[in-house]
Amino acid sequence: MSIPEGMPVTVLNFADFKKTLDEANDEPLTTLVEKVGTAYVVAVTREKCPGCEEQKLLFEKLESRMKKKYARQIEFFRVHAFFSQEQKEEAKQCLTAFRTVAFPTYIIGIKDDVRNCRETYRSIEPPMREIERNVDISVELATWFESPKQ
């Protein structure tokens, strides 16, 4: 999955993303986390979710601050599921795919020095300062994995 660099939060429709997952027969985070040396922050959201709506602008502001601080060492995604009272299946599939129980869920992942995807953080509706603290830690880890080892 090719990711445009230097863009604001990349929004992925879950139904389309699920097709990519099914074709690759892979985990969602593994599909998104591409490069060693970069931390990937993922917001898993759904339509008509009060917490998701409340945190959307805060997440975009966090992305802007972190991009200024870390430039190409950080990527932000929002994987968004459709939801209505009549059609709940997509939201359920999204929760299952990301192995979570509620929206919004935030996940941070990196690749280690042998290119395995590693989850460094996961939380349901946390304060943005908590995500920011974990972004700092994840970028530090990603940088360490990218550096030559002796």
N, C-alpha and C. Protein backbone atom coordinates (compact mmCIF):
# COMPACT_ATOMS: atom_id res chain seq x y z
N MET A 1 0.84 -1.18 0.00
CA MET A 1 0.00 0.00 0.00
C MET A 1 0.89 1.24 0.00
N SER A 2 0.83 2.04 -1.02
CA SER A 2 1.67 3.22 -1.14
C SER A 2 1.02 4.41 -0.44
N ILE A 3 1.79 5.10 0.37
CA ILE A 3 1.29 6.20 1.18
C ILE A 3 1.88 7.51 0.69
N PRO A 4 1.03 8.51 0.40
CA PRO A 4 1.57 9.80 0.00
C PRO A 4 2.27 10.47 1.18
N GLU A 5 3.51 10.92 0.99
CA GLU A 5 4.26 11.55 2.07
C GLU A 5 3.94 13.03 2.18
N GLY A 6 4.06 13.55 3.40
CA GLY A 6 3.89 14.97 3.62
C GLY A 6 2.44 15.44 3.56
N MET A 7 1.51 14.50 3.60
CA MET A 7 0.09 14.85 3.55
C MET A 7 -0.46 14.93 4.97
N PRO A 8 -1.60 15.63 5.13
CA PRO A 8 -2.26 15.59 6.44
C PRO A 8 -2.78 14.18 6.70
N VAL A 9 -3.60 14.02 7.73
CA VAL A 9 -4.13 12.71 8.07
C VAL A 9 -4.71 12.04 6.82
N THR A 10 -4.23 10.85 6.52
CA THR A 10 -4.75 10.08 5.39
C THR A 10 -6.00 9.34 5.86
N VAL A 11 -7.13 9.61 5.22
CA VAL A 11 -8.39 8.97 5.60
C VAL A 11 -8.65 7.80 4.66
N LEU A 12 -8.85 6.63 5.27
CA LEU A 12 -9.15 5.42 4.50
C LEU A 12 -10.55 4.94 4.86
N ASN A 13 -11.35 4.70 3.85
CA ASN A 13 -12.67 4.12 4.04
C ASN A 13 -12.47 2.65 4.39
N PHE A 14 -13.07 2.18 5.50
CA PHE A 14 -12.81 0.81 5.92
C PHE A 14 -13.22 -0.22 4.87
N ALA A 15 -14.34 -0.02 4.19
CA ALA A 15 -14.80 -1.00 3.20
C ALA A 15 -13.73 -1.20 2.12
N ASP A 16 -13.12 -0.10 1.65
CA ASP A 16 -12.05 -0.21 0.65
C ASP A 16 -10.79 -0.82 1.26
N PHE A 17 -10.46 -0.40 2.47
CA PHE A 17 -9.28 -0.92 3.16
C PHE A 17 -9.42 -2.42 3.40
N LYS A 18 -10.63 -2.87 3.72
CA LYS A 18 -10.87 -4.30 3.97
C LYS A 18 -10.56 -5.12 2.73
N LYS A 19 -10.86 -4.60 1.55
CA LYS A 19 -10.54 -5.31 0.31
C LYS A 19 -9.03 -5.52 0.20
N THR A 20 -8.26 -4.48 0.55
CA THR A 20 -6.79 -4.58 0.55
C THR A 20 -6.34 -5.63 1.56
N LEU A 21 -6.94 -5.62 2.74
CA LEU A 21 -6.59 -6.60 3.77
C LEU A 21 -6.90 -8.02 3.31
N ASP A 22 -8.06 -8.19 2.71
CA ASP A 22 -8.46 -9.52 2.25
C ASP A 22 -7.53 -10.03 1.15
N GLU A 23 -7.16 -9.13 0.22
CA GLU A 23 -6.25 -9.52 -0.86
C GLU A 23 -4.88 -9.89 -0.33
N ALA A 24 -4.40 -9.12 0.64
CA ALA A 24 -3.06 -9.36 1.20
C ALA A 24 -3.08 -10.44 2.28
N ASN A 25 -4.28 -10.78 2.76
CA ASN A 25 -4.42 -11.73 3.86
C ASN A 25 -3.50 -11.33 5.02
N ASP A 26 -3.66 -10.06 5.43
CA ASP A 26 -2.74 -9.49 6.42
C ASP A 26 -3.51 -8.75 7.51
N GLU A 27 -2.80 -8.39 8.55
CA GLU A 27 -3.34 -7.61 9.65
C GLU A 27 -3.40 -6.13 9.25
N PRO A 28 -4.37 -5.36 9.78
CA PRO A 28 -4.47 -3.95 9.41
C PRO A 28 -3.19 -3.14 9.69
N LEU A 29 -2.63 -3.28 10.88
CA LEU A 29 -1.46 -2.48 11.22
C LEU A 29 -0.26 -2.86 10.33
N THR A 30 -0.10 -4.14 10.07
CA THR A 30 1.00 -4.60 9.21
C THR A 30 0.86 -4.01 7.80
N THR A 31 -0.36 -3.86 7.33
CA THR A 31 -0.62 -3.29 6.01
C THR A 31 -0.26 -1.80 5.97
N LEU A 32 -0.50 -1.09 7.06
CA LEU A 32 -0.24 0.36 7.09
C LEU A 32 1.21 0.72 7.39
N VAL A 33 1.85 -0.06 8.25
CA VAL A 33 3.22 0.24 8.68
C VAL A 33 4.19 -0.28 7.63
N GLU A 34 4.78 0.64 6.87
CA GLU A 34 5.60 0.26 5.72
C GLU A 34 7.11 0.36 5.93
N LYS A 35 7.56 1.43 6.60
CA LYS A 35 9.00 1.74 6.62
C LYS A 35 9.59 1.65 8.02
N VAL A 36 10.81 1.14 8.09
CA VAL A 36 11.59 1.21 9.32
C VAL A 36 11.97 2.68 9.51
N GLY A 37 11.92 3.16 10.73
CA GLY A 37 12.30 4.54 11.01
C GLY A 37 11.14 5.51 11.05
N THR A 38 9.92 5.02 10.84
CA THR A 38 8.73 5.86 10.85
C THR A 38 7.71 5.29 11.82
N ALA A 39 7.06 6.16 12.58
CA ALA A 39 5.96 5.74 13.46
C ALA A 39 4.64 6.03 12.74
N TYR A 40 3.71 5.12 12.83
CA TYR A 40 2.41 5.22 12.17
C TYR A 40 1.31 5.31 13.22
N VAL A 41 0.58 6.41 13.22
CA VAL A 41 -0.49 6.64 14.17
C VAL A 41 -1.82 6.42 13.45
N VAL A 42 -2.64 5.53 13.99
CA VAL A 42 -3.89 5.16 13.34
C VAL A 42 -5.06 5.44 14.28
N ALA A 43 -6.03 6.21 13.79
CA ALA A 43 -7.29 6.42 14.50
C ALA A 43 -8.33 5.54 13.81
N VAL A 44 -8.97 4.67 14.56
CA VAL A 44 -10.01 3.80 14.02
C VAL A 44 -11.34 4.42 14.46
N THR A 45 -12.12 4.91 13.49
CA THR A 45 -13.33 5.67 13.80
C THR A 45 -14.54 5.13 13.02
N ARG A 46 -15.71 5.62 13.40
CA ARG A 46 -16.91 5.26 12.65
C ARG A 46 -17.84 6.46 12.56
N GLU A 47 -18.71 6.39 11.59
CA GLU A 47 -19.73 7.39 11.38
C GLU A 47 -20.68 7.44 12.58
N LYS A 48 -21.15 8.62 12.91
CA LYS A 48 -22.13 8.83 13.99
C LYS A 48 -21.61 8.41 15.35
N CYS A 49 -20.31 8.51 15.54
CA CYS A 49 -19.68 8.19 16.83
C CYS A 49 -19.37 9.51 17.53
N PRO A 50 -20.04 9.82 18.65
CA PRO A 50 -19.81 11.10 19.32
C PRO A 50 -18.35 11.32 19.72
N GLY A 51 -17.70 10.29 20.27
CA GLY A 51 -16.29 10.42 20.66
C GLY A 51 -15.39 10.66 19.46
N CYS A 52 -15.71 10.01 18.34
CA CYS A 52 -14.92 10.18 17.11
C CYS A 52 -15.03 11.61 16.61
N GLU A 53 -16.24 12.13 16.60
CA GLU A 53 -16.46 13.50 16.15
C GLU A 53 -15.78 14.50 17.07
N GLU A 54 -15.88 14.25 18.37
CA GLU A 54 -15.27 15.14 19.36
C GLU A 54 -13.75 15.19 19.21
N GLN A 55 -13.14 14.06 18.88
CA GLN A 55 -11.68 14.00 18.82
C GLN A 55 -11.10 14.24 17.42
N LYS A 56 -11.94 14.32 16.40
CA LYS A 56 -11.45 14.46 15.03
C LYS A 56 -10.55 15.69 14.86
N LEU A 57 -11.01 16.85 15.25
CA LEU A 57 -10.22 18.08 15.10
C LEU A 57 -8.98 18.04 15.99
N LEU A 58 -9.11 17.48 17.18
CA LEU A 58 -7.96 17.36 18.08
C LEU A 58 -6.88 16.47 17.46
N PHE A 59 -7.30 15.38 16.81
CA PHE A 59 -6.37 14.46 16.15
C PHE A 59 -5.67 15.17 14.99
N GLU A 60 -6.41 15.96 14.23
CA GLU A 60 -5.82 16.70 13.11
C GLU A 60 -4.81 17.74 13.61
N LYS A 61 -5.11 18.39 14.73
CA LYS A 61 -4.16 19.35 15.32
C LYS A 61 -2.91 18.64 15.83
N LEU A 62 -3.10 17.47 16.43
CA LEU A 62 -1.96 16.67 16.89
C LEU A 62 -1.09 16.29 15.70
N GLU A 63 -1.71 15.86 14.61
CA GLU A 63 -0.97 15.50 13.40
C GLU A 63 -0.13 16.68 12.92
N SER A 64 -0.71 17.86 12.91
CA SER A 64 0.00 19.05 12.44
C SER A 64 1.22 19.34 13.32
N ARG A 65 1.04 19.28 14.64
CA ARG A 65 2.16 19.52 15.57
C ARG A 65 3.26 18.46 15.40
N MET A 66 2.85 17.20 15.31
CA MET A 66 3.82 16.12 15.23
C MET A 66 4.56 16.11 13.88
N LYS A 67 3.87 16.49 12.80
CA LYS A 67 4.53 16.59 11.49
C LYS A 67 5.60 17.67 11.50
N LYS A 68 5.32 18.78 12.19
CA LYS A 68 6.32 19.85 12.32
C LYS A 68 7.52 19.37 13.12
N LYS A 69 7.26 18.59 14.14
CA LYS A 69 8.32 18.10 15.02
C LYS A 69 9.13 16.97 14.38
N TYR A 70 8.44 16.03 13.69
CA TYR A 70 9.11 14.82 13.21
C TYR A 70 9.16 14.65 11.70
N ALA A 71 8.50 15.51 10.96
CA ALA A 71 8.51 15.47 9.49
C ALA A 71 8.22 14.07 8.95
N ARG A 72 9.19 13.48 8.27
CA ARG A 72 8.99 12.19 7.60
C ARG A 72 9.08 10.98 8.53
N GLN A 73 9.28 11.21 9.80
CA GLN A 73 9.36 10.09 10.75
C GLN A 73 8.00 9.71 11.32
N ILE A 74 6.93 10.35 10.83
CA ILE A 74 5.60 10.10 11.37
C ILE A 74 4.56 10.13 10.25
N GLU A 75 3.60 9.20 10.33
CA GLU A 75 2.47 9.18 9.39
C GLU A 75 1.19 9.00 10.20
N PHE A 76 0.15 9.70 9.79
CA PHE A 76 -1.14 9.64 10.47
C PHE A 76 -2.21 9.11 9.54
N PHE A 77 -3.04 8.17 10.05
CA PHE A 77 -4.15 7.60 9.31
C PHE A 77 -5.42 7.67 10.14
N ARG A 78 -6.52 7.75 9.45
CA ARG A 78 -7.83 7.54 10.07
C ARG A 78 -8.53 6.51 9.21
N VAL A 79 -8.83 5.35 9.79
CA VAL A 79 -9.59 4.31 9.10
C VAL A 79 -11.03 4.46 9.60
N HIS A 80 -11.93 4.81 8.68
CA HIS A 80 -13.28 5.21 9.04
C HIS A 80 -14.32 4.23 8.51
N ALA A 81 -15.18 3.74 9.41
CA ALA A 81 -16.22 2.77 9.05
C ALA A 81 -17.58 3.45 8.93
N PHE A 82 -18.35 2.98 7.97
CA PHE A 82 -19.73 3.42 7.80
C PHE A 82 -20.58 2.80 8.90
N PHE A 83 -21.62 3.53 9.34
CA PHE A 83 -22.51 3.00 10.36
C PHE A 83 -23.89 3.63 10.22
N SER A 84 -24.90 2.82 10.36
CA SER A 84 -26.28 3.30 10.53
C SER A 84 -27.00 2.26 11.38
N GLN A 85 -28.14 2.62 11.93
CA GLN A 85 -28.90 1.67 12.76
C GLN A 85 -29.31 0.44 11.95
N GLU A 86 -29.52 0.63 10.64
CA GLU A 86 -29.92 -0.48 9.78
C GLU A 86 -28.72 -1.29 9.29
N GLN A 87 -27.57 -0.66 9.19
CA GLN A 87 -26.37 -1.32 8.66
C GLN A 87 -25.21 -1.17 9.65
N LYS A 88 -25.07 -2.15 10.49
CA LYS A 88 -24.03 -2.11 11.53
C LYS A 88 -22.84 -3.01 11.19
N GLU A 89 -22.97 -3.81 10.14
CA GLU A 89 -21.98 -4.84 9.85
C GLU A 89 -20.58 -4.29 9.60
N GLU A 90 -20.47 -3.20 8.81
CA GLU A 90 -19.14 -2.66 8.50
C GLU A 90 -18.42 -2.22 9.77
N ALA A 91 -19.13 -1.57 10.67
CA ALA A 91 -18.51 -1.13 11.93
C ALA A 91 -18.05 -2.33 12.75
N LYS A 92 -18.85 -3.38 12.79
CA LYS A 92 -18.46 -4.60 13.51
C LYS A 92 -17.23 -5.24 12.89
N GLN A 93 -17.18 -5.29 11.56
CA GLN A 93 -16.01 -5.85 10.87
C GLN A 93 -14.76 -5.03 11.15
N CYS A 94 -14.92 -3.72 11.23
CA CYS A 94 -13.78 -2.84 11.51
C CYS A 94 -13.24 -3.10 12.91
N LEU A 95 -14.14 -3.20 13.89
CA LEU A 95 -13.70 -3.51 15.26
C LEU A 95 -12.97 -4.85 15.30
N THR A 96 -13.51 -5.83 14.61
CA THR A 96 -12.89 -7.16 14.58
C THR A 96 -11.52 -7.11 13.92
N ALA A 97 -11.43 -6.44 12.79
CA ALA A 97 -10.15 -6.37 12.05
C ALA A 97 -9.06 -5.74 12.90
N PHE A 98 -9.40 -4.69 13.63
CA PHE A 98 -8.41 -3.99 14.44
C PHE A 98 -8.32 -4.55 15.87
N ARG A 99 -9.07 -5.61 16.14
CA ARG A 99 -9.05 -6.28 17.45
C ARG A 99 -9.28 -5.29 18.59
N THR A 100 -10.37 -4.55 18.45
CA THR A 100 -10.74 -3.60 19.49
C THR A 100 -12.22 -3.74 19.78
N VAL A 101 -12.71 -3.02 20.78
CA VAL A 101 -14.11 -3.15 21.19
C VAL A 101 -14.91 -1.87 21.06
N ALA A 102 -14.27 -0.75 20.77
CA ALA A 102 -14.99 0.53 20.72
C ALA A 102 -14.28 1.52 19.82
N PHE A 103 -15.04 2.52 19.41
CA PHE A 103 -14.52 3.65 18.62
C PHE A 103 -14.48 4.88 19.51
N PRO A 104 -13.57 5.80 19.34
CA PRO A 104 -12.36 5.69 18.53
C PRO A 104 -11.27 4.93 19.27
N THR A 105 -10.55 4.12 18.54
CA THR A 105 -9.36 3.44 19.06
C THR A 105 -8.15 4.02 18.35
N TYR A 106 -7.11 4.29 19.10
CA TYR A 106 -5.86 4.82 18.54
C TYR A 106 -4.76 3.78 18.71
N ILE A 107 -4.01 3.57 17.64
CA ILE A 107 -2.94 2.57 17.63
C ILE A 107 -1.70 3.21 17.03
N ILE A 108 -0.53 2.91 17.59
CA ILE A 108 0.73 3.36 17.00
C ILE A 108 1.56 2.12 16.70
N GLY A 109 2.14 2.09 15.50
CA GLY A 109 2.97 0.96 15.12
C GLY A 109 4.25 1.41 14.44
N ILE A 110 5.26 0.55 14.53
CA ILE A 110 6.56 0.79 13.88
C ILE A 110 7.05 -0.54 13.31
N LYS A 111 8.07 -0.49 12.49
CA LYS A 111 8.76 -1.70 12.03
C LYS A 111 10.08 -1.80 12.80
N ASP A 112 10.40 -3.02 13.22
CA ASP A 112 11.68 -3.21 13.91
C ASP A 112 12.80 -3.40 12.89
N ASP A 113 13.98 -3.67 13.38
CA ASP A 113 15.16 -3.76 12.50
C ASP A 113 15.14 -4.96 11.56
N VAL A 114 14.25 -5.92 11.77
CA VAL A 114 14.11 -7.03 10.82
C VAL A 114 12.77 -6.93 10.09
N ARG A 115 12.19 -5.74 10.10
CA ARG A 115 10.99 -5.37 9.34
C ARG A 115 9.70 -6.04 9.84
N ASN A 116 9.67 -6.45 11.10
CA ASN A 116 8.43 -6.93 11.70
C ASN A 116 7.64 -5.74 12.21
N CYS A 117 6.33 -5.77 12.04
CA CYS A 117 5.48 -4.70 12.56
C CYS A 117 5.31 -4.89 14.06
N ARG A 118 5.50 -3.81 14.80
CA ARG A 118 5.37 -3.85 16.26
C ARG A 118 4.40 -2.76 16.71
N GLU A 119 3.41 -3.15 17.50
CA GLU A 119 2.49 -2.18 18.07
C GLU A 119 3.12 -1.60 19.32
N THR A 120 3.19 -0.28 19.39
CA THR A 120 3.81 0.38 20.54
C THR A 120 2.79 1.03 21.46
N TYR A 121 1.54 1.17 20.98
CA TYR A 121 0.52 1.86 21.78
C TYR A 121 -0.86 1.51 21.25
N ARG A 122 -1.84 1.43 22.18
CA ARG A 122 -3.25 1.23 21.82
C ARG A 122 -4.11 1.76 22.96
N SER A 123 -5.15 2.52 22.60
CA SER A 123 -6.06 3.03 23.63
C SER A 123 -7.39 3.43 23.00
N ILE A 124 -8.44 3.38 23.81
CA ILE A 124 -9.77 3.81 23.39
C ILE A 124 -10.02 5.21 23.94
N GLU A 125 -10.28 6.15 23.05
CA GLU A 125 -10.62 7.54 23.36
C GLU A 125 -9.72 8.18 24.42
N PRO A 126 -8.41 8.14 24.22
CA PRO A 126 -7.49 8.75 25.20
C PRO A 126 -7.39 10.26 24.99
N PRO A 127 -6.83 10.97 25.96
CA PRO A 127 -6.52 12.39 25.74
C PRO A 127 -5.39 12.49 24.71
N MET A 128 -5.40 13.53 23.91
CA MET A 128 -4.40 13.69 22.85
C MET A 128 -2.98 13.79 23.43
N ARG A 129 -2.85 14.35 24.62
CA ARG A 129 -1.50 14.46 25.22
C ARG A 129 -0.91 13.07 25.49
N GLU A 130 -1.77 12.10 25.77
CA GLU A 130 -1.29 10.73 25.96
C GLU A 130 -0.80 10.14 24.64
N ILE A 131 -1.54 10.39 23.56
CA ILE A 131 -1.09 9.93 22.25
C ILE A 131 0.22 10.62 21.90
N GLU A 132 0.31 11.92 22.15
CA GLU A 132 1.52 12.68 21.84
C GLU A 132 2.73 12.12 22.57
N ARG A 133 2.58 11.80 23.84
CA ARG A 133 3.68 11.22 24.62
C ARG A 133 4.12 9.90 24.00
N ASN A 134 3.16 9.10 23.56
CA ASN A 134 3.48 7.82 22.96
C ASN A 134 4.03 7.95 21.55
N VAL A 135 3.67 9.01 20.85
CA VAL A 135 4.29 9.29 19.55
C VAL A 135 5.78 9.55 19.76
N ASP A 136 6.11 10.37 20.76
CA ASP A 136 7.52 10.66 21.06
C ASP A 136 8.30 9.37 21.32
N ILE A 137 7.73 8.49 22.14
CA ILE A 137 8.39 7.22 22.45
C ILE A 137 8.52 6.36 21.20
N SER A 138 7.47 6.30 20.39
CA SER A 138 7.47 5.46 19.19
C SER A 138 8.45 5.95 18.15
N VAL A 139 8.55 7.27 17.97
CA VAL A 139 9.53 7.81 17.02
C VAL A 139 10.94 7.51 17.51
N GLU A 140 11.17 7.62 18.80
CA GLU A 140 12.49 7.28 19.36
C GLU A 140 12.82 5.81 19.09
N LEU A 141 11.87 4.92 19.30
CA LEU A 141 12.08 3.49 19.03
C LEU A 141 12.31 3.24 17.54
N ALA A 142 11.50 3.88 16.70
CA ALA A 142 11.63 3.70 15.24
C ALA A 142 13.01 4.15 14.78
N THR A 143 13.49 5.26 15.32
CA THR A 143 14.82 5.77 14.98
C THR A 143 15.89 4.78 15.43
N TRP A 144 15.73 4.22 16.62
CA TRP A 144 16.70 3.25 17.12
C TRP A 144 16.75 2.01 16.20
N PHE A 145 15.58 1.52 15.80
CA PHE A 145 15.53 0.35 14.91
C PHE A 145 16.15 0.65 13.55
N GLU A 146 16.09 1.90 13.12
CA GLU A 146 16.64 2.27 11.82
C GLU A 146 18.16 2.43 11.86
N SER A 147 18.70 2.74 13.03
CA SER A 147 20.14 3.00 13.14
C SER A 147 20.94 1.71 13.04
N PRO A 148 22.18 1.81 12.53
CA PRO A 148 23.04 0.61 12.42
C PRO A 148 23.33 0.05 13.81
N LYS A 149 23.32 -1.26 13.93
CA LYS A 149 23.61 -1.93 15.20
C LYS A 149 25.02 -2.49 15.17
N GLN A 150 25.65 -2.49 16.33
CA GLN A 150 27.01 -3.04 16.41
C GLN A 150 27.01 -4.34 17.17
